């Protein structure tokens, strides 16, 4: 359980400053001035402090420092992600020494496990391998290569691009799981408990194997291995990923092997399961298992190289090979269950004299294949070879395929198979099968093999990807090698775009419809405006119509990352649109130029302007007064220009699954660019699933307008997270606010709160009216600094605010502050606030000052408030017996609140992996 109790003591550091000087002596006899002796500060080399298996060459500031790993990794080591580091690998790199030591007793095994080391590779790291380099994770040691969808880990050769084959060796993982001998000779460990199998791939591979089925060699997740495949000799190759005796305690999922000279993934015995694998352009087999492998594999997309008709090596490429063969080689202990495979052939497996089937199942293996498709092989879709008098035990269920020479090349399964069709299969851009036969109608239960806890996803479709999935939503999208599954497009030419080496920079005014396509590194230079609506003074209704008619749309494809240079900002002006419609699996990201997301104020931010109303300070009414047009000067710098109108339903586009990090340009006092600034944006605009992370000023700030927001994550922002004013009229639900848990000081001149309804005193704007629900606000040290303590919510300026089913914790200055507007010496205007089902846990109580003026119920002070890994509140008070009726602020949008029966942003009992924020947000704890 994750417990956040956030009134942490500030860390203090004191520094002793020393100075030297002389006394004033007799002016006639001055003492000579002493020249202090100084010791030059040594210049540190990037090699200092490195272990013996890592060397470094300084990049002299203009280029990244080059770190090279070679030899034996003899201690726990982390390959860290940093924009000023380039990682390389030279020769055979061994993690631990479990492959050089023969084990003869259980004590030997325990000794190797005790002495084992862990190689950790952080998300986003790219390791370039030199020539014959290979990585061997020996038994008893671990690799923790736990990437992320938007920051996969990559292994490739030294050159740019991923278009080679066999340019380095590959990755080998070895474990203590069982291996079985050819000719049905049984387990390598026989009647004992230890064994030492000499692995394939060269003399440096050494030994693997044992009797530990659940052996754990670590995690390989969101990892790409490209251009590998060293050939040590006949039938003695290194595959992209070689798994020798690897146990099912190891996690392997979301893995791509691309352009390997030999097989993609090959199992030599072992029990490790695999889910979500992409095998592209490999020159030999893609999935190859043997030597008593017992395991389960699901969701695999295999695409043979579509651009060539010739193999590079001495290969016979198939999609799947269960490999034992011949009286001395067959291994009937091999037993695997496969599901949701898509295997697409090409010219390389259809060469005269070397035509291959899509699957070859031979050597008396036990194989079940479910819900799969094979297409494009001239030698049949499936070849089954029995071994002498021992049959291969093959079961097919819901398998379709279209191959020259029929579905079966040789034998059929001994048992009847269910729903096996020689059926033409075509694929959409997501690699889902188009034909109706791929839709099974009902879920099929698939039983896993072996002793692991592996569970197959119950799928009601044939193939690796569900029909109806868009390319951006496919499980392979957003992390695989660009162009390996879909061609990288060519950006359109325009005056506001300059491109070189796959990097395109936007500057000036986007004055025509334009799309930021995936696969390109996009940059923002200076203020980039979409249209010119912020410079046009609207005087007549015809001016508004003319502006809309000439409006342009900036479309951003799912998965695109836009990096801003210095003062760069994106300004979508009124009358124009942004269509940033990302997906959970391919979010759109705005950040600064460096590789991480740990900065603040490193660029401007995103500003969207619209033609919806804004209301003036001091209750002066709508900007358009008694007319129909207005021109409000926006906050954020002189280039922001004007916004506003009288159209509450104005549509500025779509902003969905978008992350904005490290922004927050300060133009002057009370004149900042927020992470996402919404100036007069109408409710025709859709904003949901948005994260603002590490902003120097506010997370999201509304200046008037009517746009609603659902599903927002506000993390590590230095000022307020939600800030609305100037007559904003809208609705907000499902918001997770977490202040920076590691910072002990503010980065800017800020007074950070979770929520601020912002006008005050004579500047009050009573038209501001919002309804909020399911907000979680978690404070930290930065909101509790001496002399600048802040409440979790500050509601001021006579705004009307209803807040339901929400929680505030970790603020020393009270959870909620409600202030009236002191308009003058004789006029005080209340702030109408309704609070229903609010849980609080703050040092000074629920209220800093003020109380709700409208009827409120169930505002509870807790002794502690704790959160699980999904950031759901664990206290029983968070689960409501009755869901209150939450009525939306009627801004004309028809917005409907989810009628929730819980307090907080996330429902109690939600698994972390199933939380609405999971799978698309930046890891705020480590950035």
Foldseek 3Di string as FASTA:
>chain_A
DFFPAFPDDFDDDDDDDDDDFDDDDPPVDDDDGDDDDDDDDDDDDPQPPDDPQWGWDDPVVPAAIEIEGEDEDQAADEADDFQRYAYEYEAEYEQADQQVDFDDAVVSLVVLLVSGYEYEYEFQHEYAYAAAYEYEYHESYAYALAYFLQGAYEYYHDDPDQPAEARYAAYEYAYADWFAFFLQPGTQQPPHWGHFDQDAADPVNGTHYTHDQAGERYEHALYEFGRHKHDPDVVRIGENYEYEQHHQVYYAENYEYERYLEEHYEYRAHEHEYEHYEYFQYQAEHYEYERQYAYEYEQYEYAHDAPDQAGPDPYQHADYEDDFAANRTAHQNAAYEYEFAEHEYHNPCADVVRFDANYEYERQYHYEYEQEEHEDGAQANYEAYYHDPRGNAYEYENYEYAYHPYHYNDDDHPDDYYNYYPDDFDADLLRFTPDPSQQQPDWDADDGTDDDPDGDDTDRGHHSFHPPADNLRRLNPSRYDACRRHHFDDFDDDPQWDDDPLEIEGEDEPQAAGEAGPPGAYEYEAEYEQADQQVDADDAPVSLVVLLVSAYEYEYEFQHEYAYAAAGEYEYHESYAYALAYDLSGAYEYYHDIDDQPAEARYAAYEYAYADWFAFFQQPGTQQPPHWQHWDQDAADPVNGTGYTHDQLTERYEAALYEFGRHKHDPDVVRIHENYEYEQHHQVYYAENYEYERYLEEHYEYRAHEHEYEHYEYEQYQAEHYEYERQYAYEYEQYEAEHQAPDQEGPDPYQHAHEEDDAAASRAHQNAEYEYEFYEHEYHNHCEDVPRHDANYEYHRQYHYEYEQEEYHNGALANYEFDWHNHDPPDTHGRAYEYELYEYEYNVYHYNDDDHPDDYDNHYYDPGWTADLLRFTPDPSQAAPDQDQGDGRPSPNPDHDDRDRGHHSFDPPDDNCRRPNPSRDDPSNVD
